[in-house]
Protein backbone atom coordinates (compact mmCIF):
# COMPACT_ATOMS: atom_id res chain seq x y z
CA UNK A 1 -8.04 36.25 15.22
CA UNK A 2 -9.81 35.93 11.87
CA UNK A 3 -12.68 33.50 11.55
CA UNK A 4 -13.77 31.32 8.87
CA UNK A 5 -17.34 32.01 9.73
CA UNK A 6 -17.21 35.65 9.28
CA UNK A 7 -14.61 36.38 6.68
CA UNK A 8 -14.50 34.04 3.77
CA UNK A 9 -12.49 34.66 0.37
CA UNK A 10 -14.44 35.85 -2.59
CA UNK A 11 -15.36 33.10 -5.07
CA UNK A 12 -16.04 33.11 -8.78
CA UNK A 13 -19.59 33.85 -9.52
CA UNK A 14 -20.32 30.20 -10.81
CA UNK A 15 -18.82 28.80 -7.61
CA UNK A 16 -20.52 31.20 -5.10
CA UNK A 17 -23.37 28.57 -4.31
CA UNK A 18 -21.08 25.69 -3.85
CA UNK A 19 -20.21 24.96 -0.33
CA UNK A 20 -16.80 25.62 1.27
CA UNK A 21 -15.88 22.11 2.20
CA UNK A 22 -13.17 23.14 4.72
CA UNK A 23 -15.28 25.69 6.32
CA UNK A 24 -18.22 23.19 6.60
CA UNK A 25 -15.90 20.54 8.24
CA UNK A 26 -14.73 23.17 10.72
CA UNK A 27 -18.32 24.00 11.69
CA UNK A 28 -19.17 20.51 12.23
CA UNK A 29 -16.06 19.96 14.39
CA UNK A 30 -16.78 22.95 16.56
CA UNK A 31 -20.34 21.88 16.80
CA UNK A 32 -19.43 18.48 18.19
CA UNK A 33 -16.82 19.92 20.56
CA UNK A 34 -19.30 22.34 21.75
CA UNK A 35 -21.90 19.44 22.25
CA UNK A 36 -19.24 17.37 24.13
CA UNK A 37 -18.20 20.35 26.34
CA UNK A 38 -21.85 21.08 27.08
CA UNK A 39 -22.71 17.27 28.11
CA UNK A 40 -19.42 17.25 30.34
CA UNK A 41 -20.48 20.32 31.99
CA UNK A 42 -23.86 19.01 33.04
CA UNK A 43 -22.15 16.23 34.92
CA UNK A 44 -19.60 18.50 36.52
CA UNK A 45 -20.63 19.20 40.21
CA UNK A 46 -19.12 22.70 40.31
CA UNK A 47 -22.62 24.31 40.71
CA UNK A 48 -23.58 22.03 43.52
CA UNK A 49 -23.56 23.31 47.14
CA UNK A 50 -20.40 22.84 49.54
CA UNK A 51 -19.67 19.08 49.98
CA UNK A 52 -20.65 17.85 53.20
CA UNK A 53 -20.13 14.56 55.17
CA UNK A 54 -23.38 14.49 56.91
CA UNK A 55 -23.55 17.73 58.93
CA UNK A 56 -19.83 18.88 58.47
CA UNK A 57 -19.12 21.21 55.70
CA UNK A 58 -15.91 20.56 53.54
CA UNK A 59 -12.85 21.82 54.89
CA UNK A 60 -9.21 20.50 55.77
CA UNK A 61 -10.72 17.87 57.69
CA UNK A 62 -12.52 16.28 54.64
CA UNK A 63 -9.55 14.18 53.11
CA UNK A 64 -8.69 10.63 54.46
CA UNK A 65 -5.54 9.97 56.10
CA UNK A 66 -4.68 6.60 54.60
CA UNK A 67 -1.62 6.57 56.92
CA UNK A 68 -3.78 6.16 59.91
CA UNK A 69 -4.60 2.67 58.65
CA UNK A 70 -1.29 1.55 60.47
CA UNK A 71 -2.33 3.41 63.68
CA UNK A 72 -3.18 2.13 67.15
CA UNK A 73 -6.98 2.72 66.99
CA UNK A 74 -7.13 0.62 63.69
CA UNK A 75 -5.24 -1.92 65.41
CA UNK A 76 -7.74 -1.97 68.26
CA UNK A 77 -10.63 -2.00 66.09
CA UNK A 78 -9.43 -5.13 64.43
CA UNK A 79 -8.63 -6.90 67.54
CA UNK A 80 -11.91 -5.99 69.00
CA UNK A 81 -13.71 -7.27 65.93
CA UNK A 82 -11.84 -10.50 66.03
CA UNK A 83 -12.38 -11.03 69.76
CA UNK A 84 -16.12 -10.38 69.32
CA UNK A 85 -16.33 -12.81 66.44
CA UNK A 86 -14.43 -15.42 68.57
CA UNK A 87 -16.89 -14.89 71.62
CA UNK A 88 -19.89 -15.07 69.23
CA UNK A 89 -18.67 -18.26 67.56
CA UNK A 90 -18.06 -19.71 70.93
CA UNK A 91 -21.34 -18.66 72.38
CA UNK A 92 -23.36 -19.90 69.47
CA UNK A 93 -21.61 -23.35 69.55
CA UNK A 94 -22.57 -23.44 73.23
CA UNK A 95 -26.04 -22.59 72.63
CA UNK A 96 -26.61 -24.76 69.69
CA UNK A 97 -28.86 -22.25 67.90
CA UNK A 98 -27.45 -19.66 65.46
CA UNK A 99 -31.09 -17.88 65.78
CA UNK A 100 -31.07 -17.54 69.46
CA UNK A 101 -32.86 -15.84 71.07
CA UNK A 102 -36.34 -16.99 69.89
CA UNK A 103 -39.11 -14.96 71.48
CA UNK A 104 -42.46 -16.04 69.94
CA UNK A 105 -43.79 -12.76 68.98
CA UNK A 106 -40.79 -12.38 66.37
CA UNK A 107 -42.78 -14.56 64.23
CA UNK A 108 -45.75 -12.38 64.07
CA UNK A 109 -43.72 -9.40 63.00
CA UNK A 110 -42.01 -11.30 60.10
CA UNK A 111 -44.91 -10.65 57.40
CA UNK A 112 -44.24 -6.90 57.70
CA UNK A 113 -40.67 -6.79 56.85
CA UNK A 114 -40.62 -6.16 53.09
CA UNK A 115 -43.03 -3.23 53.66
CA UNK A 116 -40.96 -1.53 56.45
CA UNK A 117 -37.87 -2.15 54.51
CA UNK A 118 -39.14 -0.78 51.17
CA UNK A 119 -40.88 2.26 52.81
CA UNK A 120 -38.14 3.44 54.99
CA UNK A 121 -35.61 3.32 52.41
CA UNK A 122 -37.84 5.06 50.09
CA UNK A 123 -38.23 7.94 52.61
CA UNK A 124 -34.58 8.44 52.74
CA UNK A 125 -34.19 8.31 49.06
CA UNK A 126 -36.90 10.66 48.36
CA UNK A 127 -35.79 13.09 51.00
CA UNK A 128 -32.26 13.31 49.67
CA UNK A 129 -33.40 13.38 46.04
CA UNK A 130 -35.51 16.43 46.86
CA UNK A 131 -32.30 18.14 47.92
CA UNK A 132 -30.26 16.81 44.78
CA UNK A 133 -28.41 14.30 46.89
CA UNK A 134 -27.97 10.67 45.97
CA UNK A 135 -28.97 8.54 49.00
CA UNK A 136 -26.82 10.68 51.60
CA UNK A 137 -25.84 14.31 51.97
CA UNK A 138 -22.18 13.84 50.74
CA UNK A 139 -23.16 12.49 47.36
CA UNK A 140 -24.30 15.54 45.49
CA UNK A 141 -25.92 15.68 42.18
CA UNK A 142 -25.29 18.43 39.82
CA UNK A 143 -27.71 21.27 39.90
CA UNK A 144 -28.93 21.19 36.29
CA UNK A 145 -31.18 19.14 34.22
CA UNK A 146 -28.95 16.14 34.58
CA UNK A 147 -29.27 16.18 38.22
CA UNK A 148 -32.84 16.69 38.15
CA UNK A 149 -33.39 13.76 35.67
CA UNK A 150 -31.39 11.56 38.11
CA UNK A 151 -33.26 12.80 41.02
CA UNK A 152 -36.59 11.80 39.13
CA UNK A 153 -35.37 8.41 38.50
CA UNK A 154 -34.52 8.01 42.23
CA UNK A 155 -38.10 9.02 43.02
CA UNK A 156 -39.64 6.64 40.59
CA UNK A 157 -37.54 3.89 42.27
CA UNK A 158 -38.54 5.03 45.68
CA UNK A 159 -42.27 5.04 44.75
CA UNK A 160 -42.01 1.59 43.62
CA UNK A 161 -40.77 0.52 46.99
CA UNK A 162 -43.86 2.38 48.65
CA UNK A 163 -46.63 1.22 46.29
CA UNK A 164 -45.23 -2.36 45.64
CA UNK A 165 -45.83 -1.52 41.93
CA UNK A 166 -42.87 -3.03 39.85
CA UNK A 167 -40.65 -2.97 43.09
CA UNK A 168 -38.28 -5.39 41.52
CA UNK A 169 -37.52 -3.15 38.49
CA UNK A 170 -37.10 -0.23 40.93
CA UNK A 171 -34.68 -2.31 43.07
CA UNK A 172 -32.63 -2.90 39.89
CA UNK A 173 -32.73 0.87 39.22
CA UNK A 174 -31.46 1.59 42.69
CA UNK A 175 -28.44 -0.77 42.20
CA UNK A 176 -27.63 1.29 39.00
CA UNK A 177 -28.08 4.45 40.77
CA UNK A 178 -25.39 3.35 43.49
CA UNK A 179 -22.89 2.50 40.70
CA UNK A 180 -23.84 6.02 39.16
CA UNK A 181 -22.66 7.50 42.41
CA UNK A 182 -19.08 6.75 41.44
CA UNK A 183 -19.30 9.67 38.82
CA UNK A 184 -20.13 12.24 41.66
CA UNK A 185 -18.13 10.86 44.65
CA UNK A 186 -14.92 8.98 45.76
CA UNK A 187 -15.18 5.33 45.52
CA UNK A 188 -15.13 4.84 49.34
CA UNK A 189 -18.12 7.16 49.80
CA UNK A 190 -20.07 5.00 47.37
CA UNK A 191 -19.06 1.79 49.10
CA UNK A 192 -20.39 3.35 52.33
CA UNK A 193 -23.90 3.08 50.86
CA UNK A 194 -23.46 -0.78 49.94
CA UNK A 195 -26.44 -1.32 52.15
CA UNK A 196 -28.64 0.08 49.46
CA UNK A 197 -27.38 -2.52 47.06
CA UNK A 198 -28.27 -5.27 49.61
CA UNK A 199 -31.78 -3.66 50.21
CA UNK A 200 -32.29 -3.56 46.51
CA UNK A 201 -31.22 -7.26 45.84
CA UNK A 202 -33.35 -8.33 49.00
CA UNK A 203 -36.29 -6.63 47.41
CA UNK A 204 -35.44 -8.09 43.89
CA UNK A 205 -35.58 -11.70 45.50
CA UNK A 206 -38.61 -11.03 47.89
CA UNK A 207 -40.46 -8.22 46.25
CA UNK A 208 -43.11 -6.37 48.13
CA UNK A 209 -45.99 -9.01 47.69
CA UNK A 210 -48.56 -6.18 47.03
CA UNK A 211 -49.54 -6.53 43.34
CA UNK A 212 -50.65 -10.05 42.62
CA UNK A 213 -52.77 -11.67 39.95
CA UNK A 214 -55.71 -13.84 40.45
CA UNK A 215 -53.54 -17.17 40.83
CA UNK A 216 -51.48 -15.28 43.45
CA UNK A 217 -48.43 -14.93 41.49
CA UNK A 218 -46.64 -11.60 41.59
CA UNK A 219 -46.50 -9.32 38.57
CA UNK A 220 -42.66 -8.89 38.32
CA UNK A 221 -41.45 -12.18 39.84
CA UNK A 222 -39.17 -14.02 37.44
CA UNK A 223 -36.70 -16.89 37.68
CA UNK A 224 -33.91 -14.63 38.63
CA UNK A 225 -35.74 -13.46 41.71
CA UNK A 226 -36.48 -16.86 42.62
CA UNK A 227 -32.84 -18.00 42.30
CA UNK A 228 -31.97 -15.07 44.43
CA UNK A 229 -34.29 -15.89 47.25
CA UNK A 230 -32.06 -18.00 49.26
CA UNK A 231 -29.38 -15.65 49.38
CA UNK A 232 -31.59 -12.42 50.10
CA UNK A 233 -31.09 -12.25 53.99
CA UNK A 234 -27.16 -13.22 53.78
CA UNK A 235 -26.68 -10.41 51.14
CA UNK A 236 -28.69 -8.09 53.31
CA UNK A 237 -26.64 -8.64 56.32
CA UNK A 238 -23.27 -8.56 54.43
CA UNK A 239 -23.95 -5.25 52.96
CA UNK A 240 -25.15 -3.92 56.26
CA UNK A 241 -21.90 -5.13 57.80
CA UNK A 242 -19.90 -3.61 54.77
CA UNK A 243 -21.56 -0.04 55.29
CA UNK A 244 -20.97 0.08 59.00
CA UNK A 245 -17.41 -1.16 58.84
CA UNK A 246 -16.47 1.14 56.01
CA UNK A 247 -18.12 4.12 57.75
CA UNK A 248 -16.26 3.34 61.08
CA UNK A 249 -13.01 3.70 59.09
CA UNK A 250 -13.87 6.50 56.54
CA UNK A 251 -15.61 8.86 59.06
CA UNK A 252 -13.71 7.96 62.29
CA UNK A 253 -10.56 5.75 62.31
CA UNK A 254 -8.80 7.31 59.20
CA UNK A 255 -10.48 10.78 59.29
CA UNK A 256 -10.61 11.58 63.03
CA UNK A 257 -10.46 15.32 62.15
CA UNK A 258 -13.88 15.10 60.57
CA UNK A 259 -15.38 13.60 63.69
CA UNK A 260 -13.83 16.35 65.76
CA UNK A 261 -15.11 18.98 63.39
CA UNK A 262 -18.54 17.36 63.89
CA UNK A 263 -18.22 17.40 67.62
CA UNK A 264 -17.15 21.01 67.52
CA UNK A 265 -20.77 21.96 65.97
CA UNK A 266 -22.71 19.36 68.26
CA UNK A 267 -21.01 19.67 71.73
CA UNK A 268 -23.63 17.45 73.58
CA UNK A 269 -22.91 14.50 71.33
CA UNK A 270 -19.82 13.62 73.31
CA UNK A 271 -21.78 12.08 76.12
CA UNK A 272 -18.60 11.51 78.13
CA UNK A 273 -18.23 15.08 78.49
CA UNK A 274 -21.92 15.30 79.64
CA UNK A 275 -21.20 13.02 82.46
CA UNK A 276 -17.96 14.71 83.61
CA UNK A 277 -15.34 12.67 81.82
CA UNK A 278 -13.24 15.62 80.63
CA UNK A 279 -10.29 13.47 80.03
CA UNK A 280 -12.14 11.57 77.20
CA UNK A 281 -11.41 14.17 74.69
CA UNK A 282 -13.33 14.53 71.37
CA UNK A 283 -10.59 12.86 69.60
CA UNK A 284 -10.70 9.77 71.94
CA UNK A 285 -14.56 9.87 71.53
CA UNK A 286 -14.42 9.57 67.80
CA UNK A 287 -12.02 6.87 67.95
CA UNK A 288 -13.96 4.91 70.27
CA UNK A 289 -17.16 5.35 68.10
CA UNK A 290 -14.90 4.29 65.12
CA UNK A 291 -13.73 1.06 66.90
CA UNK A 292 -17.52 0.34 68.09
CA UNK A 293 -18.84 0.61 64.63
CA UNK A 294 -15.93 -1.40 62.96
CA UNK A 295 -16.35 -4.06 65.60
CA UNK A 296 -20.13 -4.18 64.80
CA UNK A 297 -19.43 -4.26 60.97
CA UNK A 298 -17.15 -7.36 61.45
CA UNK A 299 -19.67 -8.96 63.75
CA UNK A 300 -22.34 -8.82 61.09
CA UNK A 301 -20.02 -9.91 58.45
CA UNK A 302 -19.15 -13.03 60.41
CA UNK A 303 -22.78 -14.23 60.63
CA UNK A 304 -22.59 -15.56 64.08
CA UNK A 305 -25.56 -14.87 66.37
CA UNK A 306 -26.88 -12.18 64.04
CA UNK A 307 -29.89 -11.37 66.23
CA UNK A 308 -27.57 -10.77 69.38
CA UNK A 309 -25.50 -8.44 67.27
CA UNK A 310 -28.55 -6.50 66.13
CA UNK A 311 -29.99 -6.19 69.65
CA UNK A 312 -26.53 -4.98 70.86
CA UNK A 313 -26.42 -2.39 68.10
CA UNK A 314 -30.07 -1.11 68.58
CA UNK A 315 -29.37 1.36 71.52
CA UNK A 316 -26.14 2.83 69.96
CA UNK A 317 -27.83 3.33 66.64
CA UNK A 318 -30.58 5.20 68.11
CA UNK A 319 -28.61 7.34 70.81
CA UNK A 320 -27.61 10.06 68.27
CA UNK A 321 -31.11 10.84 67.33
CA UNK A 322 -31.95 12.68 70.36
CA UNK A 323 -28.88 15.25 69.78
CA UNK A 324 -29.19 15.73 66.09
CA UNK A 325 -31.83 17.10 63.53
CA UNK A 326 -34.37 15.21 62.03
CA UNK A 327 -31.96 14.45 59.16
CA UNK A 328 -30.23 12.02 61.26
CA UNK A 329 -33.29 9.90 61.67
CA UNK A 330 -34.24 10.04 58.00
CA UNK A 331 -30.77 9.17 57.10
CA UNK A 332 -30.63 6.06 59.37
CA UNK A 333 -33.90 4.60 58.19
CA UNK A 334 -32.40 2.08 55.73
CA UNK A 335 -30.15 0.71 58.37
CA UNK A 336 -32.83 0.67 61.06
CA UNK A 337 -35.15 -1.16 58.77
CA UNK A 338 -32.37 -3.63 57.67
CA UNK A 339 -31.80 -4.26 61.34
CA UNK A 340 -35.48 -5.00 61.92
CA UNK A 341 -35.41 -7.47 58.81
CA UNK A 342 -32.38 -9.33 60.27
CA UNK A 343 -33.96 -9.41 63.58
CA UNK A 344 -37.09 -11.14 62.79
CA UNK A 345 -35.57 -13.24 59.86
CA UNK A 346 -37.48 -11.59 56.86
CA UNK A 347 -39.47 -13.88 54.71
CA UNK A 348 -37.51 -17.05 55.91
CA UNK A 349 -39.23 -16.52 59.17
CA UNK A 350 -37.89 -18.52 62.11
CA UNK A 351 -37.09 -22.13 61.31
CA UNK A 352 -37.10 -24.60 64.13
CA UNK A 353 -33.96 -25.38 65.96
CA UNK A 354 -31.57 -27.99 64.51
CA UNK A 355 -32.55 -30.64 66.92
CA UNK A 356 -36.39 -30.23 66.36
CA UNK A 357 -35.69 -30.49 62.48
CA UNK A 358 -33.75 -33.69 63.13
CA UNK A 359 -36.49 -35.26 65.10
CA UNK A 360 -39.01 -34.54 62.51
CA UNK A 361 -36.78 -36.25 60.04
CA UNK A 362 -36.17 -39.26 62.27
CA UNK A 363 -38.20 -42.49 61.93
CA UNK A 364 -41.28 -42.68 64.12
CA UNK A 365 -41.35 -44.77 67.30
CA UNK A 366 -42.62 -48.19 66.78
CA UNK A 367 -46.11 -47.59 68.29
CA UNK A 368 -46.54 -44.40 66.10
CA UNK A 369 -45.40 -46.31 63.12
CA UNK A 370 -47.86 -49.09 63.75
CA UNK A 371 -50.74 -46.72 64.38
CA UNK A 372 -49.91 -45.05 61.13
CA UNK A 373 -49.95 -48.48 59.14
CA UNK A 374 -53.16 -49.47 60.82
CA UNK A 375 -51.62 -52.42 62.86
CA UNK A 376 -52.61 -53.20 66.34
C-alpha cells in the first residue's frame, strides 16, 4: 500500500517548499490516533498478572451466577438476617440501651481509634500498592507507568493516614481511588470495598488529631469536616455492613464455585472436616460462611446493638488467619480496625445511658435547688 509520507507527487519548483496540506492533515490525524491508542493501552490491564479473587486464580469459577439469587441459600441468608435484626431489636428494647454492654475500660481505649484506623488501613493500602493492586488482590493496576502513578497516589494517601499530615486530603483522595477502581474491575468488586469509603469519610470528619496549630486547631479542618462529624460513625458502620454483605454474596452465595476452588487449595480451612463432619461438604461450608457473612452485614446495617454484633463477629473474622498466609491478616486490617472503632465508639466516646441523661436534664430536687439559690 502506498504511503503519502514516503511517496509524494512531484511539484513544480516554485511550489516545492509549500506544505502539502492534505498530507499534513493526514499526519496530524495519524498522530492523534496514535496518541489516543497509546493512552488507552496504558489503562488496559492485559499486561497484569492473572486475575485473582484473594487466593484463587482466575478460572471457570470466577464468574458470578446471578441465577443463584433465587436459590435456597440466599433465601436462608435473608431469613437469617431478618431474624437476627428482629432479635437484636427486641433485645435492645428490653435493655433500654443501644450501647450495651458498657465495660468501663472501653472509654480509655477511645482516644486511640483514629490512629489505629488510619495506620492499619494504610498498611493494607501500601502492601497492595507495592504489588500494583488497588486495595485488594483482585483489583489489579496495569503494569505500566499509569499503574505506577496510581500506586504512587495510593502511597501518598496511605502516608497521610500514618503521619497525620493532611489526613483529610488523603481521605478524599482515597474516595477517588475507590471510584477509579471501576476502570479496572467490575462494579460489584468495587462495591465490596465500600469500607474504604466509610473509613475515608470518617477520617475526613474526625482527622487524625496529630498536626495542630498553637490555638489547638487542626491544619486541614474545615466546615465540611465539622458538618460530617455527626455522621462519621453511622457512615463507617454502614460501609462495613455493605462490604461484609456484598462479600457474602459475591464470593460465596452466588459464586459457590469460587469458595470451593479456594478450599481445594486450603483443605484445613473447612474446620468441619477437621473435626470429622465429613457430610459437611466444601459446598455446604461455603454456603454456611456466606449466610453468616450476609447475616452479619444485615445486622450491622440495622444499627441495633452494634457492639454486640461486633463482639459476635470478632472470633469468626480472626479464625481464618491461622490457616492462611500473612496476606489474610494484612487484607483484613481495615475491617478489624473498623470493628475496633465501632466497639469503643470512636470520637463520640460512650455517652451516658438515656435515663441518666434525662435525670441530668430534670429539675433539681427542692433541697438542691434551695441550696443552689442560697436559701435555708
